[in-house]
Amino acid sequence: MYNLIRSELFKLRKDRSFRVLLLITAALSLVYPLLYYFDNKSSGDPQFTGAEFLIKFMTSNGYVIKFGVAALAGFFIASEYATGVMKTIASSGNDRGRLFTAKLIGFSVGAMAVSLVFPIVSTTEVSLLSGFGHLPEGVDAFFIPRALGLTLLYTAGYAAIGALFTAVFTESGKTIGFSMIFFLMIDTILGGLGEYIPFFTTVYDYSIFKLMNDIGKPSIDSGDLPTLLLVPLLTIVAAGLLGILVFRRKEIK
């Protein structure tokens, strides 16, 4: 298992799509704060400090996570079906459950790396332009490590779902397209169904899709923290087991 994970991490480091995704995300992370900087400068409004920018725009990172997971799932995992790599790996004699788990770990590490680019790069840039400043009054002193830690955890949850989609569709285009549509529309779909069937409201309230919006909260009640931690962990386990089940039964051509 250790060698399988090492192999996936090695492929991740060498994967061109992963490096391009990191560069694109970094470039957008540099441009995004500049728009606010020059807009505030021209209008005479006070500039954001690094701390203020991180707090205000932390939730915007959710879109980076969704698009990053969808793109990486298609190019890093699903593309191996088209190139024949997956067939070779599956026929190597290793247990398919172990193979899928190793791929999920490698894929999750890549997705988590992408998820940290926006908050780190943009906050660093704003801090260089206007100073980091101080966390506003009422903001939890552990906001930054908590927000970054939850970002990694929820990204892993999204990655587990993305990996499941790769096992279902096996094609890069279908995987990327469906993943993007799913991640962008699931909030609306579950919210709409909840108006008619209360069960879906409960499902949505305790899903990573809604709870990810709480990552950027200035402070979190101690009673809410267990839910914020357990939901993504359970999502990783559930989606991972479903992915293993589908991968084991999949006929790989």
C-alpha atoms as a PDB file:
ATOM      1  CA  MET A   1       0.000   0.000   0.000  1.00  0.00           C
ATOM      2  CA  TYR A   2       2.834   2.356   0.873  1.00  0.00           C
ATOM      3  CA  ASN A   3       4.436   1.854  -2.544  1.00  0.00           C
ATOM      4  CA  LEU A   4       1.098   2.455  -4.282  1.00  0.00           C
ATOM      5  CA  ILE A   5       0.652   5.760  -2.465  1.00  0.00           C
ATOM      6  CA  ARG A   6       4.247   6.768  -3.253  1.00  0.00           C
ATOM      7  CA  SER A   7       3.602   6.002  -6.897  1.00  0.00           C
ATOM      8  CA  GLU A   8       0.492   8.187  -6.968  1.00  0.00           C
ATOM      9  CA  LEU A   9       2.279  11.063  -5.231  1.00  0.00           C
ATOM     10  CA  PHE A  10       5.155  10.766  -7.706  1.00  0.00           C
ATOM     11  CA  LYS A  11       2.721  10.910 -10.630  1.00  0.00           C
ATOM     12  CA  LEU A  12       1.041  13.917  -9.030  1.00  0.00           C
ATOM     13  CA  ARG A  13       4.338  15.819  -8.849  1.00  0.00           C
ATOM     14  CA  LYS A  14       5.040  15.046 -12.492  1.00  0.00           C
ATOM     15  CA  ASP A  15       1.491  15.629 -13.732  1.00  0.00           C
ATOM     16  CA  ARG A  16       1.392  18.591 -16.117  1.00  0.00           C
ATOM     17  CA  SER A  17      -2.308  19.301 -15.568  1.00  0.00           C
ATOM     18  CA  PHE A  18      -1.713  19.585 -11.812  1.00  0.00           C
ATOM     19  CA  ARG A  19       1.101  22.090 -12.280  1.00  0.00           C
ATOM     20  CA  VAL A  20      -0.913  24.101 -14.801  1.00  0.00           C
ATOM     21  CA  LEU A  21      -3.876  24.143 -12.404  1.00  0.00           C
ATOM     22  CA  LEU A  22      -1.629  25.435  -9.626  1.00  0.00           C
ATOM     23  CA  LEU A  23      -0.232  28.177 -11.879  1.00  0.00           C
ATOM     24  CA  ILE A  24      -3.676  29.270 -13.102  1.00  0.00           C
ATOM     25  CA  THR A  25      -5.042  29.367  -9.561  1.00  0.00           C
ATOM     26  CA  ALA A  26      -2.003  31.338  -8.383  1.00  0.00           C
ATOM     27  CA  ALA A  27      -2.383  33.830 -11.243  1.00  0.00           C
ATOM     28  CA  LEU A  28      -6.066  34.374 -10.487  1.00  0.00           C
ATOM     29  CA  SER A  29      -5.220  34.711  -6.791  1.00  0.00           C
ATOM     30  CA  LEU A  30      -2.867  37.562  -7.677  1.00  0.00           C
ATOM     31  CA  VAL A  31      -5.333  39.329  -9.968  1.00  0.00           C
ATOM     32  CA  TYR A  32      -8.400  39.092  -7.725  1.00  0.00           C
ATOM     33  CA  PRO A  33      -7.082  41.260  -4.841  1.00  0.00           C
ATOM     34  CA  LEU A  34      -5.658  43.816  -7.291  1.00  0.00           C
ATOM     35  CA  LEU A  35      -9.154  44.533  -8.606  1.00  0.00           C
ATOM     36  CA  TYR A  36     -10.247  45.581  -5.121  1.00  0.00           C
ATOM     37  CA  TYR A  37      -6.980  47.396  -4.449  1.00  0.00           C
ATOM     38  CA  PHE A  38      -7.207  49.675  -7.506  1.00  0.00           C
ATOM     39  CA  ASP A  39     -10.977  50.106  -7.129  1.00  0.00           C
ATOM     40  CA  ASN A  40     -10.602  51.255  -3.512  1.00  0.00           C
ATOM     41  CA  LYS A  41      -7.647  53.428  -4.458  1.00  0.00           C
ATOM     42  CA  SER A  42      -9.566  55.228  -7.209  1.00  0.00           C
ATOM     43  CA  SER A  43     -12.654  55.718  -5.035  1.00  0.00           C
ATOM     44  CA  GLY A  44     -10.701  56.745  -1.936  1.00  0.00           C
ATOM     45  CA  ASP A  45     -12.021  53.873   0.169  1.00  0.00           C
ATOM     46  CA  PRO A  46      -9.703  52.324   2.775  1.00  0.00           C
ATOM     47  CA  GLN A  47      -7.719  49.330   1.604  1.00  0.00           C
ATOM     48  CA  PHE A  48      -8.209  45.822   2.957  1.00  0.00           C
ATOM     49  CA  THR A  49      -5.477  44.540   5.209  1.00  0.00           C
ATOM     50  CA  GLY A  50      -4.347  40.953   4.755  1.00  0.00           C
ATOM     51  CA  ALA A  51      -6.352  39.778   7.774  1.00  0.00           C
ATOM     52  CA  GLU A  52      -9.511  41.584   6.620  1.00  0.00           C
ATOM     53  CA  PHE A  53      -9.201  40.193   3.104  1.00  0.00           C
ATOM     54  CA  LEU A  54      -8.780  36.633   4.358  1.00  0.00           C
ATOM     55  CA  ILE A  55     -11.861  36.881   6.581  1.00  0.00           C
ATOM     56  CA  LYS A  56     -14.042  38.573   3.971  1.00  0.00           C
ATOM     57  CA  PHE A  57     -13.144  36.396   0.994  1.00  0.00           C
ATOM     58  CA  MET A  58     -12.451  33.014   2.593  1.00  0.00           C
ATOM     59  CA  THR A  59     -15.803  31.694   1.367  1.00  0.00           C
ATOM     60  CA  SER A  60     -14.835  32.599  -2.213  1.00  0.00           C
ATOM     61  CA  ASN A  61     -12.292  29.789  -2.027  1.00  0.00           C
ATOM     62  CA  GLY A  62     -15.191  27.351  -2.234  1.00  0.00           C
ATOM     63  CA  TYR A  63     -15.432  27.952  -5.982  1.00  0.00           C
ATOM     64  CA  VAL A  64     -11.714  27.295  -6.380  1.00  0.00           C
ATOM     65  CA  ILE A  65     -12.142  24.000  -4.534  1.00  0.00           C
ATOM     66  CA  LYS A  66     -15.089  22.910  -6.670  1.00  0.00           C
ATOM     67  CA  PHE A  67     -13.476  23.733 -10.005  1.00  0.00           C
ATOM     68  CA  GLY A  68     -10.093  22.431  -8.850  1.00  0.00           C
ATOM     69  CA  VAL A  69     -11.478  19.065  -7.769  1.00  0.00           C
ATOM     70  CA  ALA A  70     -13.522  18.692 -10.969  1.00  0.00           C
ATOM     71  CA  ALA A  71     -10.598  19.541 -13.253  1.00  0.00           C
ATOM     72  CA  LEU A  72      -8.049  17.432 -11.389  1.00  0.00           C
ATOM     73  CA  ALA A  73     -10.419  14.457 -11.225  1.00  0.00           C
ATOM     74  CA  GLY A  74     -10.751  14.487 -14.997  1.00  0.00           C
ATOM     75  CA  PHE A  75      -7.114  15.068 -15.892  1.00  0.00           C
ATOM     76  CA  PHE A  76      -5.323  13.192 -13.112  1.00  0.00           C
ATOM     77  CA  ILE A  77      -7.508  10.083 -12.669  1.00  0.00           C
ATOM     78  CA  ALA A  78     -10.078   9.731 -15.450  1.00  0.00           C
ATOM     79  CA  SER A  79      -7.510  10.351 -18.199  1.00  0.00           C
ATOM     80  CA  GLU A  80      -5.775   7.107 -17.198  1.00  0.00           C
ATOM     81  CA  TYR A  81      -8.733   5.131 -18.533  1.00  0.00           C
ATOM     82  CA  ALA A  82      -8.306   6.620 -22.024  1.00  0.00           C
ATOM     83  CA  THR A  83      -4.523   6.120 -22.093  1.00  0.00           C
ATOM     84  CA  GLY A  84      -4.742   2.493 -20.974  1.00  0.00           C
ATOM     85  CA  VAL A  85      -2.775   3.135 -17.783  1.00  0.00           C
ATOM     86  CA  MET A  86      -5.737   2.184 -15.608  1.00  0.00           C
ATOM     87  CA  LYS A  87      -6.147  -1.156 -17.371  1.00  0.00           C
ATOM     88  CA  THR A  88      -2.470  -1.943 -16.850  1.00  0.00           C
ATOM     89  CA  ILE A  89      -2.643  -1.005 -13.177  1.00  0.00           C
ATOM     90  CA  ALA A  90      -5.857  -2.963 -12.595  1.00  0.00           C
ATOM     91  CA  SER A  91      -4.328  -6.094 -14.142  1.00  0.00           C
ATOM     92  CA  SER A  92      -1.136  -5.830 -12.092  1.00  0.00           C
ATOM     93  CA  GLY A  93      -2.444  -8.180  -9.410  1.00  0.00           C
ATOM     94  CA  ASN A  94      -2.994  -5.539  -6.727  1.00  0.00           C
ATOM     95  CA  ASP A  95      -6.337  -5.437  -4.976  1.00  0.00           C
ATOM     96  CA  ARG A  96      -8.597  -2.884  -6.640  1.00  0.00           C
ATOM     97  CA  GLY A  97      -9.673  -1.492  -3.306  1.00  0.00           C
ATOM     98  CA  ARG A  98      -6.067  -0.699  -2.459  1.00  0.00           C
ATOM     99  CA  LEU A  99      -5.508   0.804  -5.897  1.00  0.00           C
ATOM    100  CA  PHE A 100      -8.503   3.105  -5.609  1.00  0.00           C
ATOM    101  CA  THR A 101      -7.558   4.112  -2.068  1.00  0.00           C
ATOM    102  CA  ALA A 102      -4.035   5.025  -3.180  1.00  0.00           C
ATOM    103  CA  LYS A 103      -5.392   7.071  -6.069  1.00  0.00           C
ATOM    104  CA  LEU A 104      -7.840   8.815  -3.762  1.00  0.00           C
ATOM    105  CA  ILE A 105      -5.027   9.752  -1.378  1.00  0.00           C
ATOM    106  CA  GLY A 106      -2.835  11.091  -4.175  1.00  0.00           C
ATOM    107  CA  PHE A 107      -5.741  12.951  -5.724  1.00  0.00           C
ATOM    108  CA  SER A 108      -6.783  14.411  -2.356  1.00  0.00           C
ATOM    109  CA  VAL A 109      -3.258  15.690  -1.695  1.00  0.00           C
ATOM    110  CA  GLY A 110      -3.284  17.452  -5.070  1.00  0.00           C
ATOM    111  CA  ALA A 111      -6.730  18.957  -4.492  1.00  0.00           C
ATOM    112  CA  MET A 112      -5.740  20.138  -1.008  1.00  0.00           C
ATOM    113  CA  ALA A 113      -2.630  21.816  -2.416  1.00  0.00           C
ATOM    114  CA  VAL A 114      -4.799  23.700  -4.925  1.00  0.00           C
ATOM    115  CA  SER A 115      -7.266  24.694  -2.181  1.00  0.00           C
ATOM    116  CA  LEU A 116      -4.560  26.540  -0.231  1.00  0.00           C
ATOM    117  CA  VAL A 117      -3.295  28.611  -3.151  1.00  0.00           C
ATOM    118  CA  PHE A 118      -6.001  31.304  -3.086  1.00  0.00           C
ATOM    119  CA  PRO A 119      -6.011  32.079   0.663  1.00  0.00           C
ATOM    120  CA  ILE A 120      -2.210  32.009   0.946  1.00  0.00           C
ATOM    121  CA  VAL A 121      -1.271  33.832  -2.270  1.00  0.00           C
ATOM    122  CA  SER A 122      -4.005  36.479  -2.123  1.00  0.00           C
ATOM    123  CA  THR A 123      -3.526  37.195   1.591  1.00  0.00           C
ATOM    124  CA  THR A 124       0.238  37.457   1.101  1.00  0.00           C
ATOM    125  CA  GLU A 125      -0.222  39.901  -1.778  1.00  0.00           C
ATOM    126  CA  VAL A 126      -2.687  42.087   0.132  1.00  0.00           C
ATOM    127  CA  SER A 127      -0.374  42.047   3.158  1.00  0.00           C
ATOM    128  CA  LEU A 128       2.518  43.285   0.989  1.00  0.00           C
ATOM    129  CA  LEU A 129       0.335  46.066  -0.418  1.00  0.00           C
ATOM    130  CA  SER A 130      -1.471  47.191   2.739  1.00  0.00           C
ATOM    131  CA  GLY A 131       0.023  45.268   5.647  1.00  0.00           C
ATOM    132  CA  PHE A 132      -1.427  42.233   7.391  1.00  0.00           C
ATOM    133  CA  GLY A 133      -3.099  44.238  10.157  1.00  0.00           C
ATOM    134  CA  HIS A 134      -4.907  42.593  13.045  1.00  0.00           C
ATOM    135  CA  LEU A 135      -7.859  40.278  13.329  1.00  0.00           C
ATOM    136  CA  PRO A 136     -10.986  42.408  13.993  1.00  0.00           C
ATOM    137  CA  GLU A 137     -12.589  42.375  17.399  1.00  0.00           C
ATOM    138  CA  GLY A 138     -14.846  39.375  17.873  1.00  0.00           C
ATOM    139  CA  VAL A 139     -12.854  37.161  15.509  1.00  0.00           C
ATOM    140  CA  ASP A 140     -11.596  33.940  17.053  1.00  0.00           C
ATOM    141  CA  ALA A 141      -7.823  34.020  17.679  1.00  0.00           C
ATOM    142  CA  PHE A 142      -7.588  30.575  16.070  1.00  0.00           C
ATOM    143  CA  PHE A 143      -9.438  31.704  12.934  1.00  0.00           C
ATOM    144  CA  ILE A 144      -6.521  31.296  10.516  1.00  0.00           C
ATOM    145  CA  PRO A 145      -5.333  27.777  11.501  1.00  0.00           C
ATOM    146  CA  ARG A 146      -8.945  26.636  11.933  1.00  0.00           C
ATOM    147  CA  ALA A 147     -10.036  28.016   8.556  1.00  0.00           C
ATOM    148  CA  LEU A 148      -7.056  26.506   6.724  1.00  0.00           C
ATOM    149  CA  GLY A 149      -7.449  23.179   8.509  1.00  0.00           C
ATOM    150  CA  LEU A 150     -11.154  22.948   7.683  1.00  0.00           C
ATOM    151  CA  THR A 151     -10.352  23.944   4.098  1.00  0.00           C
ATOM    152  CA  LEU A 152      -8.070  20.924   3.776  1.00  0.00           C
ATOM    153  CA  LEU A 153     -10.621  18.617   5.399  1.00  0.00           C
ATOM    154  CA  TYR A 154     -13.547  19.752   3.244  1.00  0.00           C
ATOM    155  CA  THR A 155     -11.417  19.630   0.107  1.00  0.00           C
ATOM    156  CA  ALA A 156     -10.657  16.001   0.906  1.00  0.00           C
ATOM    157  CA  GLY A 157     -14.423  15.426   1.191  1.00  0.00           C
ATOM    158  CA  TYR A 158     -15.019  16.964  -2.219  1.00  0.00           C
ATOM    159  CA  ALA A 159     -12.089  14.963  -3.608  1.00  0.00           C
ATOM    160  CA  ALA A 160     -13.664  11.712  -2.383  1.00  0.00           C
ATOM    161  CA  ILE A 161     -16.854  12.579  -4.273  1.00  0.00           C
ATOM    162  CA  GLY A 162     -14.834  13.559  -7.350  1.00  0.00           C
ATOM    163  CA  ALA A 163     -12.928  10.270  -7.238  1.00  0.00           C
ATOM    164  CA  LEU A 164     -16.252   8.413  -7.087  1.00  0.00           C
ATOM    165  CA  PHE A 165     -17.357  10.210 -10.260  1.00  0.00           C
ATOM    166  CA  THR A 166     -14.165   9.111 -12.053  1.00  0.00           C
ATOM    167  CA  ALA A 167     -14.987   5.493 -11.268  1.00  0.00           C
ATOM    168  CA  VAL A 168     -18.514   5.952 -12.615  1.00  0.00           C
ATOM    169  CA  PHE A 169     -17.779   7.872 -15.839  1.00  0.00           C
ATOM    170  CA  THR A 170     -14.128   6.884 -16.604  1.00  0.00           C
ATOM    171  CA  GLU A 171     -13.839   9.656 -19.245  1.00  0.00           C
ATOM    172  CA  SER A 172     -12.176  13.010 -18.612  1.00  0.00           C
ATOM    173  CA  GLY A 173     -14.808  15.135 -20.363  1.00  0.00           C
ATOM    174  CA  LYS A 174     -17.769  13.449 -18.702  1.00  0.00           C
ATOM    175  CA  THR A 175     -16.088  13.499 -15.295  1.00  0.00           C
ATOM    176  CA  ILE A 176     -15.185  17.197 -15.467  1.00  0.00           C
ATOM    177  CA  GLY A 177     -18.539  18.250 -16.912  1.00  0.00           C
ATOM    178  CA  PHE A 178     -20.682  16.273 -14.489  1.00  0.00           C
ATOM    179  CA  SER A 179     -18.544  17.189 -11.468  1.00  0.00           C
ATOM    180  CA  MET A 180     -18.743  20.915 -12.212  1.00  0.00           C
ATOM    181  CA  ILE A 181     -22.495  20.809 -12.800  1.00  0.00           C
ATOM    182  CA  PHE A 182     -23.031  18.687  -9.683  1.00  0.00           C
ATOM    183  CA  PHE A 183     -20.914  20.857  -7.382  1.00  0.00           C
ATOM    184  CA  LEU A 184     -22.474  24.087  -8.663  1.00  0.00           C
ATOM    185  CA  MET A 185     -26.086  22.892  -8.721  1.00  0.00           C
ATOM    186  CA  ILE A 186     -26.348  20.579  -5.711  1.00  0.00           C
ATOM    187  CA  ASP A 187     -27.106  23.460  -3.305  1.00  0.00           C
ATOM    188  CA  THR A 188     -29.986  24.650  -5.482  1.00  0.00           C
ATOM    189  CA  ILE A 189     -31.296  21.119  -6.063  1.00  0.00           C
ATOM    190  CA  LEU A 190     -31.300  20.081  -2.395  1.00  0.00           C
ATOM    191  CA  GLY A 191     -32.681  23.483  -1.350  1.00  0.00           C
ATOM    192  CA  GLY A 192     -35.514  23.206  -3.882  1.00  0.00           C
ATOM    193  CA  LEU A 193     -36.378  19.629  -2.933  1.00  0.00           C
ATOM    194  CA  GLY A 194     -36.354  20.642   0.727  1.00  0.00           C
ATOM    195  CA  GLU A 195     -39.286  22.988   0.119  1.00  0.00           C
ATOM    196  CA  TYR A 196     -41.458  19.977  -0.708  1.00  0.00           C
ATOM    197  CA  ILE A 197     -39.767  17.169   1.220  1.00  0.00           C
ATOM    198  CA  PRO A 198     -38.347  18.247   4.622  1.00  0.00           C
ATOM    199  CA  PHE A 199     -35.970  15.265   4.631  1.00  0.00           C
ATOM    200  CA  PHE A 200     -33.837  16.914   1.946  1.00  0.00           C
ATOM    201  CA  THR A 201     -33.556  20.055   4.065  1.00  0.00           C
ATOM    202  CA  THR A 202     -32.038  17.965   6.841  1.00  0.00           C
ATOM    203  CA  VAL A 203     -29.712  16.244   4.370  1.00  0.00           C
ATOM    204  CA  TYR A 204     -28.549  19.590   3.023  1.00  0.00           C
ATOM    205  CA  ASP A 205     -28.083  21.120   6.482  1.00  0.00           C
ATOM    206  CA  TYR A 206     -25.732  18.289   7.428  1.00  0.00           C
ATOM    207  CA  SER A 207     -23.837  18.034   4.144  1.00  0.00           C
ATOM    208  CA  ILE A 208     -20.408  19.326   3.206  1.00  0.00           C
ATOM    209  CA  PHE A 209     -22.077  21.435   0.513  1.00  0.00           C
ATOM    210  CA  LYS A 210     -23.701  23.730   3.066  1.00  0.00           C
ATOM    211  CA  LEU A 211     -21.269  23.393   5.940  1.00  0.00           C
ATOM    212  CA  MET A 212     -18.349  24.461   3.754  1.00  0.00           C
ATOM    213  CA  ASN A 213     -19.799  27.975   3.899  1.00  0.00           C
ATOM    214  CA  ASP A 214     -19.104  27.970   7.654  1.00  0.00           C
ATOM    215  CA  ILE A 215     -15.345  27.645   7.143  1.00  0.00           C
ATOM    216  CA  GLY A 216     -15.000  31.413   6.820  1.00  0.00           C
ATOM    217  CA  LYS A 217     -17.088  32.288   9.883  1.00  0.00           C
ATOM    218  CA  PRO A 218     -15.192  34.692  12.172  1.00  0.00           C
ATOM    219  CA  SER A 219     -16.045  32.496  15.149  1.00  0.00           C
ATOM    220  CA  ILE A 220     -17.573  29.054  15.606  1.00  0.00           C
ATOM    221  CA  ASP A 221     -19.424  27.827  18.674  1.00  0.00           C
ATOM    222  CA  SER A 222     -17.788  24.866  20.373  1.00  0.00           C
ATOM    223  CA  GLY A 223     -21.032  22.926  19.944  1.00  0.00           C
ATOM    224  CA  ASP A 224     -20.898  23.303  16.149  1.00  0.00           C
ATOM    225  CA  LEU A 225     -17.295  22.159  15.772  1.00  0.00           C
ATOM    226  CA  PRO A 226     -17.962  18.389  16.106  1.00  0.00           C
ATOM    227  CA  THR A 227     -20.460  18.582  13.231  1.00  0.00           C
ATOM    228  CA  LEU A 228     -18.017  20.567  11.097  1.00  0.00           C
ATOM    229  CA  LEU A 229     -15.411  17.864  11.659  1.00  0.00           C
ATOM    230  CA  LEU A 230     -17.546  14.721  11.472  1.00  0.00           C
ATOM    231  CA  VAL A 231     -19.506  15.552   8.292  1.00  0.00           C
ATOM    232  CA  PRO A 232     -16.491  15.739   5.946  1.00  0.00           C
ATOM    233  CA  LEU A 233     -14.886  12.703   7.610  1.00  0.00           C
ATOM    234  CA  LEU A 234     -18.053  10.654   7.093  1.00  0.00           C
ATOM    235  CA  THR A 235     -18.288  11.954   3.522  1.00  0.00           C
ATOM    236  CA  ILE A 236     -14.739  10.781   2.810  1.00  0.00           C
ATOM    237  CA  VAL A 237     -15.481   7.325   4.208  1.00  0.00           C
ATOM    238  CA  ALA A 238     -18.865   6.949   2.462  1.00  0.00           C
ATOM    239  CA  ALA A 239     -17.743   8.264  -0.942  1.00  0.00           C
ATOM    240  CA  GLY A 240     -14.480   6.310  -0.681  1.00  0.00           C
ATOM    241  CA  LEU A 241     -16.275   3.020   0.024  1.00  0.00           C
ATOM    242  CA  LEU A 242     -18.738   3.635  -2.822  1.00  0.00           C
ATOM    243  CA  GLY A 243     -15.829   4.434  -5.122  1.00  0.00           C
ATOM    244  CA  ILE A 244     -14.082   1.189  -4.173  1.00  0.00           C
ATOM    245  CA  LEU A 245     -17.298  -0.774  -4.776  1.00  0.00           C
ATOM    246  CA  VAL A 246     -17.806   0.776  -8.220  1.00  0.00           C
ATOM    247  CA  PHE A 247     -14.131   0.395  -9.169  1.00  0.00           C
ATOM    248  CA  ARG A 248     -14.103  -3.265  -8.193  1.00  0.00           C
ATOM    249  CA  ARG A 249     -17.117  -4.041 -10.378  1.00  0.00           C
ATOM    250  CA  LYS A 250     -16.037  -1.824 -13.279  1.00  0.00           C
ATOM    251  CA  GLU A 251     -14.980  -3.471 -16.515  1.00  0.00           C
ATOM    252  CA  ILE A 252     -11.877  -1.518 -17.521  1.00  0.00           C
ATOM    253  CA  LYS A 253     -11.231  -1.501 -21.262  1.00  0.00           C
END
